[in-house]
Every structure is written in structure tokens, then in C-alpha cells.
Amino acid sequence: MAPENKNRATAAAILPLVGGARNIDSIAHCMTRLRLGLKDRALVQDEALKALPAVLGVVEDDTYQIVLGPGTVARVAPEFEALMTEAGAQLPLTADELADRGAELKAARKAKNATPFKLFLRRIANIFVPLIPALIGCGIIAGLGGLLVNLGWLTGVTPALAAIASGFMALIAVFVGFNTAKEFGGTPILGGAVASIIVFAGVAKITVFGQTLAPGQGGVLGALGAALLAVYVERWCRRWVPEALDVLITPTLTVLIAGLVTLYGLMFLAGEVSTGIGHGANWLLDNTGAFAGLVLGGLFLPLVMLGLHQALIPIHTTLIEQQGYTVLLPILAMAGAGQVGCAVAVYLRAKKNKSLRSTIRSALPAGFLGVGEPLIYGVSLPLGRPFVTACVGGAAGGAFVGLFSMLGDKVGSTAIGPSGWALFPLLQGNHGLGATVAVYAGGLLTGYAVGFLATYYFGFTRQSLTDLNATPAPADPATPKAREPAHS
């Protein structure tokens, strides 16, 4: 079957199992998941959906998330949208249909998940996640260019590679501004216009609080704040400006007011915050590297499980903008190593549980590449204690990388998104590539080993091990279970 037919077949198989086109409110996707806004959750056929070969798992949050894996989701999502259009996706469910199917359950779930903090994190993710493919592509090109420079090869080509890799990062503030305005209900191009002030070379002629501004000062945080301000100014204008003059006055006042506040306030403040983030991350790893790595590596799986890891995206982006790489991501990636080691131990312990072993075999390749949801939701979390021992493995790997950072060998990533083995092409540090790769690989091996040993010897009680080998598979009705391994 041709790839495009395969992706369309996957979309066609999913659509009726989520209630059909009329049950879909919204469609989006991230690095690994198709995210659907549903009108009626009760119409979803969970077990049939999980049984589809292409589906690695499902996760419920404020949207219904179908894990398809990196690469696949970006190809299936457009096919899904096309099927929605063909099926007349705008047809609403009738009042009777909504009343008869799980309205109380839907309301309870929405009240539970749509907390202000979760909504804020979701919006932050919606601003930055669309930028990840460009960050990855430019990061890999930057790494390739740096390698060629170090080797002294293709000297005529390396300047071109540097330009290709750096162009996006030089203008990332504009994209952040555009996405921020779009996410908060403003005119996207006005958000981009105001954010572009931050990277304009002419700001070097402006003095604020006795300091001359620098192009790019404030970075993505300044762009986010500037675009958000533009949204509120635009809303105010829409309320008070006469309709006949709206097309002239509203965009003018939006750009002027938000632009002046950006120049004479936000750029300075955001610049101070951004500088503080950079200094803080470096100080943390320079002075408490092993302990910081222990804590960050150990807590990242729970953050992913709760969706709170989205709060780290602006911090990663700020560090990449300032230093060329984020020193936090390689440490956080160790959580996935602990999860892999844990899964291998469970596989060996669950000798008679064919279903669980099949799930682990399917999920491990994705786990090695840093896609952790399949192992989290399909293996460790339903079992309970192995989730804790997986975190122990992540903590050990994080401590290993943090220790070397304390000793002067910093390991960073030039982009966000990939993890596990997929992070190797994006590695960069303050020493040679060989040393950077060695430290990161050592961290992964430590995470694998400690995650395995902690789970094998402490992951089960005698009774739980007996139950594990006496039942088909772990099940936890409160936790979405992935049939196969199932974001970033």
C-alpha cells in the first residue's frame, strides 16, 4: 500500500471510532499525538481504537489524544482533516444526541481538566509546539555545520549551512508573536508585527533606563509579552473605534501602543528575565549539578504524565536563543532511559503475561527514540510501583549528566522535541563533540541500568508478581491504557 493510502486508511479507520465527523470540535497534532476536541466523549469506542495497528495508545486531557508516533501523526492529521471536510464536519450533533450520551461525564471531565493553570500550559504549548519542526531541522543543520568546521571539510559550504541554521533563530520572536496573537484571539499578523520590533536592528539606537537596547533583547519571552499586549490593545480598539474607521485606526493603534510599551518596558524587563534564566540554569548545573540532575531526571516522568512539562518549553527556547543549546533537555531525557530500563525488567519478570510482553516489545523501539507515552500509559503507570522505579532510573541518569556538568563538561541540545537516541544529532556542549556524546551516552546507560535493576529487584511485591503472571495485562480504569507503546 502506498504511504499516502496507508495514512488515509488510518484516518478513515479512526474517524468512525471517535464518533464520526459530527462529533469533532477541533483537530490539532503535536510531535506524536492527534489531538481531537470532542462534542460527546461517550461516542468514542476506546477498545476498538486501541486495537488499530497504527494506534500506539490514547491519552485523555482537555482533548482526546491518539498516539500515532513521530512522523506518522504529521501525515495522518491532514488526511483526517480531509475526511472531516468530505463528511461535512460542520454538521452539529442534535440536542437529543447530546442529551442522551454521557453529558454528565463530559461536564465532570471538563471541570476536572480545564483548570486555569492547565489551560495556561496548553496555550503555551500551542504557541511553541508548532515551532519544534523548524527548531529540529535548523538544529541538526547547525550541528552538521559545526562538525564540518571542526574537521575543516567543505569550507565553501559551511557559511551557507550557518546561514540556513541561523535564519529561523534570528526571527523566532516573530513566529512566537504570530502564534501568541493567534492563540489568544488577536490578529496573528499584528502580533508578529509587534514582536518583530524586538529583532529589528534599529533598536540599537534607543536608550531605555540608561541602557542601549540590543536587537533580540528579551527574546521569545519579550515577543510573547508584546504580542499578548497587542491582543488586548486590539480588543479595546474593536470595542471603541467606530466601524467605519476600524480598518485604519485599530491596526495603527495596536502596533503603536504595543510597540512603544515593548520598546520602553517589555524588552528591558524580558531581557532581564531571560538573562536570569540563562544564569540560573548555568549556576544550578555548575554548583549543584549532580543533585539538580537527580531531581530533574527523577521528576520529569510525573511532569509528562500530568502535562506540566509544557511549562519548560519557553525556558528551553530561551536557553537555545541565548547559548545555542539548552542544558536542561539532555538531563530531562534521562527520564526516558529509566522508563526503558524499567520496561525491560517488567518484560523479564512478566514471563507468563503474553499481552503485556507484546505491548513492551511494540513500545520499546519508540522508547529508545524518546517517545515515552506508550511505556508510561501501557506498562509502568498501570502497574504502579514500576513507575516509581522508572523515575529512580531517570534520576540516576540525570545525576550522571549533571555531575559532568558540575565538572565542566556541559551537554546541551540545539533543539527541543527529540529525546533518547534521537537526541544524538542535536547534541552540543562546551567541549568537543566526542566528549559531549560520551557524557550523554553514559547518562543513558546509567538510566537504563538503574531503571532495570530498581524495577527487577524492587518493582514488585511477591503478590503483585504472582498477579502479574496470572492475569492477561495490567488494567487501571482511571488511566488510559496503550495497547502498544505510545509529546513532546
Protein backbone atom coordinates (compact mmCIF):
# COMPACT_ATOMS: atom_id res chain seq x y z
CA MET A 1 0.00 0.00 0.00
CA ALA A 2 1.34 3.43 -0.95
CA PRO A 3 2.26 5.62 2.06
CA GLU A 4 -0.46 8.17 1.30
CA ASN A 5 -3.07 5.39 1.03
CA LYS A 6 -1.85 3.89 4.29
CA ASN A 7 -2.18 7.23 6.09
CA ARG A 8 -5.62 7.81 4.64
CA ALA A 9 -6.68 4.31 5.65
CA THR A 10 -5.51 5.02 9.21
CA ALA A 11 -7.51 8.26 9.29
CA ALA A 12 -10.54 6.51 7.85
CA ALA A 13 -10.31 3.79 10.50
CA ILE A 14 -10.04 6.30 13.34
CA LEU A 15 -12.87 8.63 12.32
CA PRO A 16 -15.89 6.37 12.99
CA LEU A 17 -14.36 5.15 16.24
CA VAL A 18 -14.29 8.68 17.68
CA GLY A 19 -17.95 9.27 16.89
CA GLY A 20 -17.69 10.38 13.29
CA ALA A 21 -17.18 13.79 11.76
CA ARG A 22 -20.12 15.35 13.59
CA ASN A 23 -18.55 14.58 16.96
CA ILE A 24 -15.31 16.51 16.27
CA ASP A 25 -14.96 20.08 17.52
CA SER A 26 -11.28 20.63 16.72
CA ILE A 27 -8.26 18.88 15.24
CA ALA A 28 -4.61 19.51 16.07
CA HIS A 29 -1.45 17.47 16.39
CA CYS A 30 1.89 17.66 18.19
CA MET A 31 5.03 15.59 17.69
CA THR A 32 3.36 12.25 18.40
CA ARG A 33 -0.37 12.74 19.05
CA LEU A 34 -3.52 13.53 17.09
CA ARG A 35 -5.48 15.81 19.44
CA LEU A 36 -9.25 15.89 18.99
CA GLY A 37 -11.79 18.14 20.65
CA LEU A 38 -14.93 16.01 21.11
CA LYS A 39 -18.54 17.08 21.45
CA ASP A 40 -19.51 13.86 23.19
CA ARG A 41 -16.86 11.65 24.77
CA ALA A 42 -19.33 8.77 25.19
CA LEU A 43 -19.34 8.16 21.43
CA VAL A 44 -15.69 7.08 21.40
CA GLN A 45 -15.01 3.34 21.10
CA ASP A 46 -11.83 3.18 23.15
CA GLU A 47 -11.00 -0.51 22.89
CA ALA A 48 -11.63 -0.69 19.15
CA LEU A 49 -9.50 2.42 18.70
CA LYS A 50 -6.60 0.98 20.69
CA ALA A 51 -6.83 -2.22 18.63
CA LEU A 52 -5.97 -0.39 15.40
CA PRO A 53 -2.43 -1.34 14.27
CA ALA A 54 -1.37 2.30 13.79
CA VAL A 55 -2.60 3.46 17.20
CA LEU A 56 0.04 3.30 19.91
CA GLY A 57 -2.24 4.44 22.71
CA VAL A 58 -4.71 7.07 23.85
CA VAL A 59 -4.45 9.80 26.48
CA GLU A 60 -7.26 11.93 27.87
CA ASP A 61 -6.70 15.53 28.89
CA ASP A 62 -8.65 18.58 27.81
CA THR A 63 -8.53 16.94 24.35
CA TYR A 64 -8.74 13.30 23.32
CA GLN A 65 -5.21 12.38 22.24
CA ILE A 66 -4.46 9.45 19.93
CA VAL A 67 -0.78 8.50 19.97
CA LEU A 68 0.43 7.66 16.45
CA GLY A 69 4.15 8.35 16.85
CA PRO A 70 6.56 10.89 15.34
CA GLY A 71 6.33 11.30 11.58
CA THR A 72 3.12 9.28 11.29
CA VAL A 73 0.92 11.83 13.04
CA ALA A 74 2.03 14.64 10.72
CA ARG A 75 0.89 12.54 7.74
CA VAL A 76 -2.34 11.17 9.20
CA ALA A 77 -3.63 14.52 10.53
CA PRO A 78 -4.10 16.16 7.07
CA GLU A 79 -5.85 13.02 5.82
CA PHE A 80 -8.12 13.11 8.86
CA GLU A 81 -8.96 16.75 8.21
CA ALA A 82 -9.70 15.96 4.56
CA LEU A 83 -12.08 13.17 5.58
CA MET A 84 -13.77 15.56 8.01
CA THR A 85 -14.36 18.05 5.22
CA GLU A 86 -15.70 15.38 2.89
CA ALA A 87 -18.04 14.09 5.57
CA GLY A 88 -19.50 17.53 6.30
CA ALA A 89 -17.70 18.09 9.57
CA GLN A 90 -19.67 21.22 10.37
CA LEU A 91 -22.92 19.32 11.00
CA PRO A 92 -23.68 19.65 14.72
CA LEU A 93 -24.97 16.85 16.90
CA THR A 94 -28.64 17.20 17.66
CA ALA A 95 -29.79 18.22 21.10
CA ASP A 96 -31.20 14.75 21.69
CA GLU A 97 -27.90 13.09 20.79
CA LEU A 98 -26.01 15.30 23.21
CA ALA A 99 -28.58 14.86 25.97
CA ASP A 100 -28.68 11.09 25.66
CA ARG A 101 -24.95 10.37 25.72
CA GLY A 102 -22.79 10.96 28.73
CA ALA A 103 -23.42 14.68 29.24
CA GLU A 104 -22.71 14.48 32.97
CA LEU A 105 -19.46 12.56 32.42
CA LYS A 106 -18.31 15.12 29.88
CA ALA A 107 -19.06 18.04 32.20
CA ALA A 108 -17.22 16.40 35.10
CA ARG A 109 -14.17 15.69 32.95
CA LYS A 110 -14.11 19.21 31.60
CA ALA A 111 -14.35 20.70 35.09
CA LYS A 112 -11.53 18.45 36.28
CA ASN A 113 -9.15 19.12 33.41
CA ALA A 114 -9.84 22.72 32.44
CA THR A 115 -8.15 24.35 35.42
CA PRO A 116 -6.72 27.82 34.74
CA PHE A 117 -3.18 26.51 35.14
CA LYS A 118 -3.73 23.63 32.72
CA LEU A 119 -5.36 25.96 30.20
CA PHE A 120 -2.39 28.32 30.51
CA LEU A 121 0.07 25.50 29.87
CA ARG A 122 -1.99 24.30 26.93
CA ARG A 123 -1.84 27.76 25.40
CA ILE A 124 1.90 27.97 25.94
CA ALA A 125 2.25 24.62 24.19
CA ASN A 126 0.06 25.78 21.31
CA ILE A 127 2.40 28.75 20.81
CA PHE A 128 5.69 26.86 20.86
CA VAL A 129 4.95 23.30 19.69
CA PRO A 130 4.36 24.37 16.04
CA LEU A 131 7.89 25.79 16.05
CA ILE A 132 9.54 22.49 17.02
CA PRO A 133 9.97 21.04 13.49
CA ALA A 134 11.92 24.14 12.42
CA LEU A 135 13.98 24.03 15.62
CA ILE A 136 14.85 20.39 14.95
CA GLY A 137 15.73 20.92 11.30
CA CYS A 138 17.83 24.02 11.96
CA GLY A 139 19.45 22.37 14.99
CA ILE A 140 20.60 19.35 13.01
CA ILE A 141 21.94 21.59 10.22
CA ALA A 142 23.79 23.68 12.81
CA GLY A 143 25.31 20.52 14.28
CA LEU A 144 26.37 19.30 10.84
CA GLY A 145 27.89 22.68 10.04
CA GLY A 146 29.80 22.73 13.32
CA LEU A 147 31.15 19.24 12.69
CA LEU A 148 32.36 20.22 9.20
CA VAL A 149 34.05 23.34 10.61
CA ASN A 150 35.85 21.28 13.26
CA LEU A 151 37.01 18.80 10.63
CA GLY A 152 37.98 21.52 8.18
CA TRP A 153 35.84 19.96 5.44
CA LEU A 154 33.73 21.73 2.76
CA THR A 155 34.84 25.19 3.83
CA GLY A 156 32.94 26.76 0.95
CA VAL A 157 29.66 25.24 2.09
CA THR A 158 29.81 25.79 5.87
CA PRO A 159 28.90 29.53 5.70
CA ALA A 160 25.75 28.59 3.78
CA LEU A 161 24.87 25.96 6.37
CA ALA A 162 25.39 28.53 9.13
CA ALA A 163 23.01 30.94 7.39
CA ILE A 164 20.37 28.25 6.89
CA ALA A 165 20.61 27.13 10.51
CA SER A 166 20.62 30.64 11.98
CA GLY A 167 17.93 32.37 9.91
CA PHE A 168 15.00 30.89 11.79
CA MET A 169 16.52 31.51 15.21
CA ALA A 170 17.22 35.14 14.27
CA LEU A 171 13.50 35.65 13.59
CA ILE A 172 11.94 33.21 16.05
CA ALA A 173 10.47 36.13 18.02
CA VAL A 174 8.29 36.99 15.02
CA PHE A 175 6.86 33.47 14.86
CA VAL A 176 6.24 33.45 18.60
CA GLY A 177 4.40 36.76 18.31
CA PHE A 178 2.30 35.47 15.42
CA ASN A 179 1.32 32.27 17.27
CA THR A 180 0.63 34.14 20.52
CA ALA A 181 -1.83 36.52 18.89
CA LYS A 182 -3.48 33.61 17.10
CA GLU A 183 -3.80 31.59 20.30
CA PHE A 184 -5.25 34.44 22.38
CA GLY A 185 -7.77 35.59 19.78
CA GLY A 186 -5.99 38.54 18.19
CA THR A 187 -4.93 39.17 14.60
CA PRO A 188 -1.84 36.96 14.11
CA ILE A 189 -0.04 39.29 11.72
CA LEU A 190 -0.34 42.18 14.20
CA GLY A 191 1.21 40.00 16.91
CA GLY A 192 4.05 39.18 14.54
CA ALA A 193 4.46 42.84 13.59
CA VAL A 194 4.83 43.97 17.19
CA ALA A 195 7.18 41.08 18.04
CA SER A 196 9.36 41.91 15.01
CA ILE A 197 10.34 45.15 16.73
CA ILE A 198 12.42 43.07 19.14
CA VAL A 199 14.71 41.72 16.40
CA PHE A 200 14.90 44.93 14.33
CA ALA A 201 18.49 46.19 14.12
CA GLY A 202 17.37 49.81 14.59
CA VAL A 203 16.50 49.26 18.27
CA ALA A 204 20.24 49.67 18.93
CA LYS A 205 19.67 53.44 18.61
CA ILE A 206 17.18 53.50 21.51
CA THR A 207 18.17 54.03 25.15
CA VAL A 208 15.97 52.81 28.00
CA PHE A 209 16.74 53.22 31.71
CA GLY A 210 20.21 54.39 30.78
CA GLN A 211 20.93 51.29 28.68
CA THR A 212 21.04 50.98 24.92
CA LEU A 213 18.74 48.27 23.66
CA ALA A 214 20.18 45.36 21.70
CA PRO A 215 18.43 43.60 18.79
CA GLY A 216 16.85 40.45 20.13
CA GLN A 217 16.85 41.64 23.76
CA GLY A 218 14.06 39.88 25.60
CA GLY A 219 13.88 37.11 23.02
CA VAL A 220 10.89 34.82 22.91
CA LEU A 221 9.63 35.96 26.32
CA GLY A 222 9.56 39.56 25.16
CA ALA A 223 7.84 38.52 21.93
CA LEU A 224 5.21 36.60 23.87
CA GLY A 225 4.52 39.56 26.14
CA ALA A 226 4.49 42.05 23.26
CA ALA A 227 2.03 40.01 21.21
CA LEU A 228 -0.21 39.40 24.21
CA LEU A 229 -0.30 43.14 24.86
CA ALA A 230 -1.16 43.70 21.20
CA VAL A 231 -4.12 41.34 21.54
CA TYR A 232 -5.55 43.34 24.45
CA VAL A 233 -4.99 46.68 22.71
CA GLU A 234 -6.70 45.33 19.59
CA ARG A 235 -9.69 44.10 21.60
CA TRP A 236 -10.02 47.51 23.24
CA CYS A 237 -9.92 49.20 19.86
CA ARG A 238 -12.56 46.87 18.42
CA ARG A 239 -14.92 47.91 21.22
CA TRP A 240 -14.48 51.67 20.96
CA VAL A 241 -13.36 52.55 17.45
CA PRO A 242 -16.24 53.27 15.01
CA GLU A 243 -16.69 50.51 12.48
CA ALA A 244 -16.08 52.83 9.55
CA LEU A 245 -12.64 53.74 10.90
CA ASP A 246 -11.71 50.33 12.30
CA VAL A 247 -9.61 49.21 9.34
CA LEU A 248 -7.37 52.28 9.70
CA ILE A 249 -7.28 53.06 13.40
CA THR A 250 -7.28 49.63 15.07
CA PRO A 251 -4.11 48.19 13.48
CA THR A 252 -2.35 51.55 13.79
CA LEU A 253 -3.09 51.94 17.50
CA THR A 254 -2.38 48.24 18.15
CA VAL A 255 1.10 48.38 16.65
CA LEU A 256 1.87 51.87 18.01
CA ILE A 257 0.80 51.36 21.63
CA ALA A 258 2.06 47.80 21.96
CA GLY A 259 5.25 48.75 20.11
CA LEU A 260 6.05 51.69 22.41
CA VAL A 261 5.41 49.62 25.54
CA THR A 262 7.60 46.86 24.09
CA LEU A 263 10.47 49.25 23.40
CA TYR A 264 10.29 51.23 26.63
CA GLY A 265 9.39 48.43 29.02
CA LEU A 266 8.96 44.86 27.86
CA MET A 267 12.28 44.48 26.04
CA PHE A 268 14.19 45.62 29.11
CA LEU A 269 12.16 43.53 31.57
CA ALA A 270 12.05 40.41 29.40
CA GLY A 271 15.77 40.80 28.74
CA GLU A 272 16.46 40.77 32.47
CA VAL A 273 14.26 37.70 32.95
CA SER A 274 15.87 35.87 30.01
CA THR A 275 19.34 36.66 31.30
CA GLY A 276 18.30 35.43 34.74
CA ILE A 277 17.05 32.14 33.26
CA GLY A 278 20.37 31.60 31.49
CA HIS A 279 22.46 32.47 34.53
CA GLY A 280 20.19 30.43 36.78
CA ALA A 281 20.41 27.27 34.66
CA ASN A 282 24.18 27.55 34.40
CA TRP A 283 24.61 28.28 38.12
CA LEU A 284 22.37 25.37 39.03
CA LEU A 285 24.39 22.89 37.00
CA ASP A 286 27.78 24.41 37.84
CA ASN A 287 27.17 24.30 41.59
CA THR A 288 24.59 21.56 42.22
CA GLY A 289 24.85 19.57 39.01
CA ALA A 290 24.50 16.05 40.36
CA PHE A 291 21.68 16.96 42.75
CA ALA A 292 19.90 19.12 40.17
CA GLY A 293 20.16 16.30 37.63
CA LEU A 294 18.83 13.83 40.19
CA VAL A 295 15.75 15.97 40.87
CA LEU A 296 15.07 16.98 37.25
CA GLY A 297 15.59 13.48 35.85
CA GLY A 298 13.53 11.90 38.60
CA LEU A 299 10.54 14.23 38.36
CA PHE A 300 10.22 14.53 34.60
CA LEU A 301 8.05 11.42 34.05
CA PRO A 302 5.39 12.68 36.51
CA LEU A 303 5.52 16.07 34.77
CA VAL A 304 4.93 14.40 31.40
CA MET A 305 2.12 12.31 32.85
CA LEU A 306 0.39 15.46 34.15
CA GLY A 307 1.17 17.57 31.08
CA LEU A 308 3.15 20.06 33.18
CA HIS A 309 6.33 19.62 31.10
CA GLN A 310 4.84 22.15 28.66
CA ALA A 311 5.86 24.90 31.09
CA LEU A 312 9.51 24.17 30.27
CA ILE A 313 9.22 24.90 26.54
CA PRO A 314 9.80 28.69 26.81
CA ILE A 315 12.78 28.04 29.10
CA HIS A 316 14.35 25.63 26.61
CA THR A 317 13.73 28.07 23.77
CA THR A 318 15.23 30.94 25.74
CA LEU A 319 18.39 28.94 26.50
CA ILE A 320 18.75 27.92 22.85
CA GLU A 321 18.34 31.54 21.81
CA GLN A 322 20.96 32.73 24.32
CA GLN A 323 23.56 29.97 24.33
CA GLY A 324 22.86 27.98 21.18
CA TYR A 325 21.65 24.96 23.18
CA THR A 326 19.57 24.03 26.21
CA VAL A 327 21.46 22.28 29.01
CA LEU A 328 18.23 21.06 30.61
CA LEU A 329 16.88 18.80 27.87
CA PRO A 330 19.63 16.12 27.95
CA ILE A 331 19.09 15.78 31.71
CA LEU A 332 15.32 15.54 31.34
CA ALA A 333 15.79 12.97 28.57
CA MET A 334 17.22 10.60 31.17
CA ALA A 335 13.67 10.01 32.43
CA GLY A 336 13.01 8.13 29.21
CA ALA A 337 16.11 5.99 29.81
CA GLY A 338 14.82 4.99 33.24
CA GLN A 339 11.49 4.12 31.64
CA VAL A 340 13.19 1.87 29.06
CA GLY A 341 15.20 0.05 31.72
CA CYS A 342 12.04 -0.42 33.74
CA ALA A 343 10.20 -1.88 30.75
CA VAL A 344 12.95 -4.42 30.07
CA ALA A 345 12.78 -5.54 33.70
CA VAL A 346 8.99 -5.88 33.56
CA TYR A 347 9.35 -7.91 30.36
CA LEU A 348 11.66 -10.38 32.09
CA ARG A 349 9.51 -10.53 35.22
CA ALA A 350 6.19 -10.98 33.38
CA LYS A 351 7.19 -14.27 31.75
CA LYS A 352 3.62 -15.59 31.54
CA ASN A 353 1.86 -12.35 30.64
CA LYS A 354 1.92 -12.52 26.84
CA SER A 355 -0.23 -9.45 26.33
CA LEU A 356 1.97 -7.22 28.45
CA ARG A 357 5.16 -8.59 26.88
CA SER A 358 3.71 -7.89 23.44
CA THR A 359 2.97 -4.32 24.46
CA ILE A 360 6.53 -3.85 25.72
CA ARG A 361 8.04 -5.31 22.52
CA SER A 362 5.98 -2.86 20.48
CA ALA A 363 6.71 0.13 22.70
CA LEU A 364 10.43 -0.31 23.32
CA PRO A 365 11.62 0.96 19.90
CA ALA A 366 9.65 4.17 20.44
CA GLY A 367 11.01 4.33 23.99
CA PHE A 368 14.61 4.16 22.79
CA LEU A 369 13.82 7.09 20.47
CA GLY A 370 12.41 9.13 23.34
CA VAL A 371 8.66 8.61 22.84
CA GLY A 372 7.66 7.62 26.35
CA GLU A 373 3.86 7.68 26.46
CA PRO A 374 3.40 4.08 25.29
CA LEU A 375 5.56 2.74 28.10
CA ILE A 376 4.11 5.16 30.68
CA TYR A 377 0.43 4.53 29.96
CA GLY A 378 0.71 0.96 28.72
CA VAL A 379 3.22 -0.51 31.17
CA SER A 380 4.65 1.28 34.20
CA LEU A 381 1.81 3.52 35.34
CA PRO A 382 -0.90 0.81 35.41
CA LEU A 383 1.48 -1.43 37.37
CA GLY A 384 2.14 1.26 39.99
CA ARG A 385 5.47 0.59 41.65
CA PRO A 386 7.42 0.22 38.35
CA PHE A 387 6.51 3.80 37.53
CA VAL A 388 8.38 4.87 40.68
CA THR A 389 11.39 2.68 39.85
CA ALA A 390 11.42 4.14 36.31
CA CYS A 391 11.69 7.58 37.92
CA VAL A 392 14.60 6.28 40.01
CA GLY A 393 16.38 5.29 36.80
CA GLY A 394 15.73 8.74 35.33
CA ALA A 395 17.10 10.36 38.48
CA ALA A 396 20.31 8.30 38.25
CA GLY A 397 20.84 9.20 34.61
CA GLY A 398 20.14 12.85 35.33
CA ALA A 399 22.60 12.84 38.21
CA PHE A 400 25.26 11.36 35.90
CA VAL A 401 24.87 14.11 33.28
CA GLY A 402 24.55 16.77 35.99
CA LEU A 403 27.75 15.59 37.68
CA PHE A 404 29.75 16.04 34.48
CA SER A 405 28.20 19.46 34.02
CA MET A 406 29.44 20.32 37.50
CA LEU A 407 32.89 19.12 36.47
CA GLY A 408 32.87 21.42 33.45
CA ASP A 409 31.57 19.17 30.65
CA LYS A 410 28.22 20.70 29.70
CA VAL A 411 25.88 18.73 27.47
CA GLY A 412 23.17 20.58 25.59
CA SER A 413 20.65 20.17 22.78
CA THR A 414 20.35 22.64 19.90
CA ALA A 415 16.60 21.93 19.59
CA ILE A 416 13.68 20.63 21.62
CA GLY A 417 11.38 17.75 20.77
CA PRO A 418 13.59 14.67 20.25
CA SER A 419 14.86 12.63 23.14
CA GLY A 420 16.58 9.29 23.73
CA TRP A 421 18.73 8.16 20.82
CA ALA A 422 17.04 10.73 18.57
CA LEU A 423 18.83 13.47 20.51
CA PHE A 424 22.33 12.44 19.41
CA PRO A 425 22.31 14.51 16.17
CA LEU A 426 21.35 17.61 18.17
CA LEU A 427 23.96 17.38 20.92
CA GLN A 428 26.30 20.27 21.55
CA GLY A 429 28.42 21.27 24.52
CA ASN A 430 31.29 23.41 25.69
CA HIS A 431 33.88 20.78 24.74
CA GLY A 432 34.40 18.56 21.72
CA LEU A 433 31.57 16.56 20.20
CA GLY A 434 33.18 13.30 21.30
CA ALA A 435 33.13 14.28 24.98
CA THR A 436 29.56 15.57 24.71
CA VAL A 437 28.30 12.38 23.09
CA ALA A 438 30.19 10.24 25.62
CA VAL A 439 28.61 12.00 28.61
CA TYR A 440 25.11 11.79 27.15
CA ALA A 441 25.55 8.13 26.21
CA GLY A 442 26.89 7.43 29.71
CA GLY A 443 23.78 9.04 31.17
CA LEU A 444 21.51 6.89 29.01
CA LEU A 445 23.34 3.71 30.01
CA THR A 446 23.12 4.71 33.68
CA GLY A 447 19.39 5.38 33.33
CA TYR A 448 18.83 2.05 31.57
CA ALA A 449 20.83 0.11 34.15
CA VAL A 450 19.38 1.71 37.30
CA GLY A 451 15.83 1.66 35.91
CA PHE A 452 16.25 -2.03 35.14
CA LEU A 453 17.81 -3.01 38.46
CA ALA A 454 15.42 -0.92 40.58
CA THR A 455 12.42 -2.43 38.81
CA TYR A 456 13.71 -6.00 38.69
CA TYR A 457 14.51 -6.13 42.39
CA PHE A 458 12.12 -3.58 43.94
CA GLY A 459 9.37 -3.07 41.36
CA PHE A 460 7.09 -5.85 42.60
CA THR A 461 5.90 -7.41 45.78
CA ARG A 462 5.62 -11.18 45.81
CA GLN A 463 1.85 -10.93 45.49
CA SER A 464 1.90 -8.37 42.68
CA LEU A 465 4.35 -10.55 40.74
CA THR A 466 2.04 -13.53 41.16
CA ASP A 467 -0.93 -11.47 40.00
CA LEU A 468 1.04 -10.09 37.07
CA ASN A 469 1.73 -13.55 35.71
CA ALA A 470 -1.80 -14.75 36.40
CA THR A 471 -3.68 -12.04 34.52
CA PRO A 472 -3.60 -11.05 30.85
CA ALA A 473 -2.39 -7.50 31.37
CA PRO A 474 -2.40 -4.64 33.85
CA ALA A 475 -5.51 -2.54 33.84
CA ASP A 476 -6.36 0.69 35.55
CA PRO A 477 -9.73 2.17 34.59
CA ALA A 478 -8.61 5.61 35.72
CA THR A 479 -5.56 5.53 33.46
CA PRO A 480 -5.65 5.47 29.64
CA LYS A 481 -4.01 2.19 28.60
CA ALA A 482 -1.97 1.85 25.45
CA ARG A 483 -2.33 -1.42 23.56
CA GLU A 484 1.06 -0.78 22.12
CA PRO A 485 3.70 1.74 23.00
CA ALA A 486 2.63 5.22 22.59
CA HIS A 487 4.55 14.74 23.11
CA SER A 488 6.97 16.12 23.26
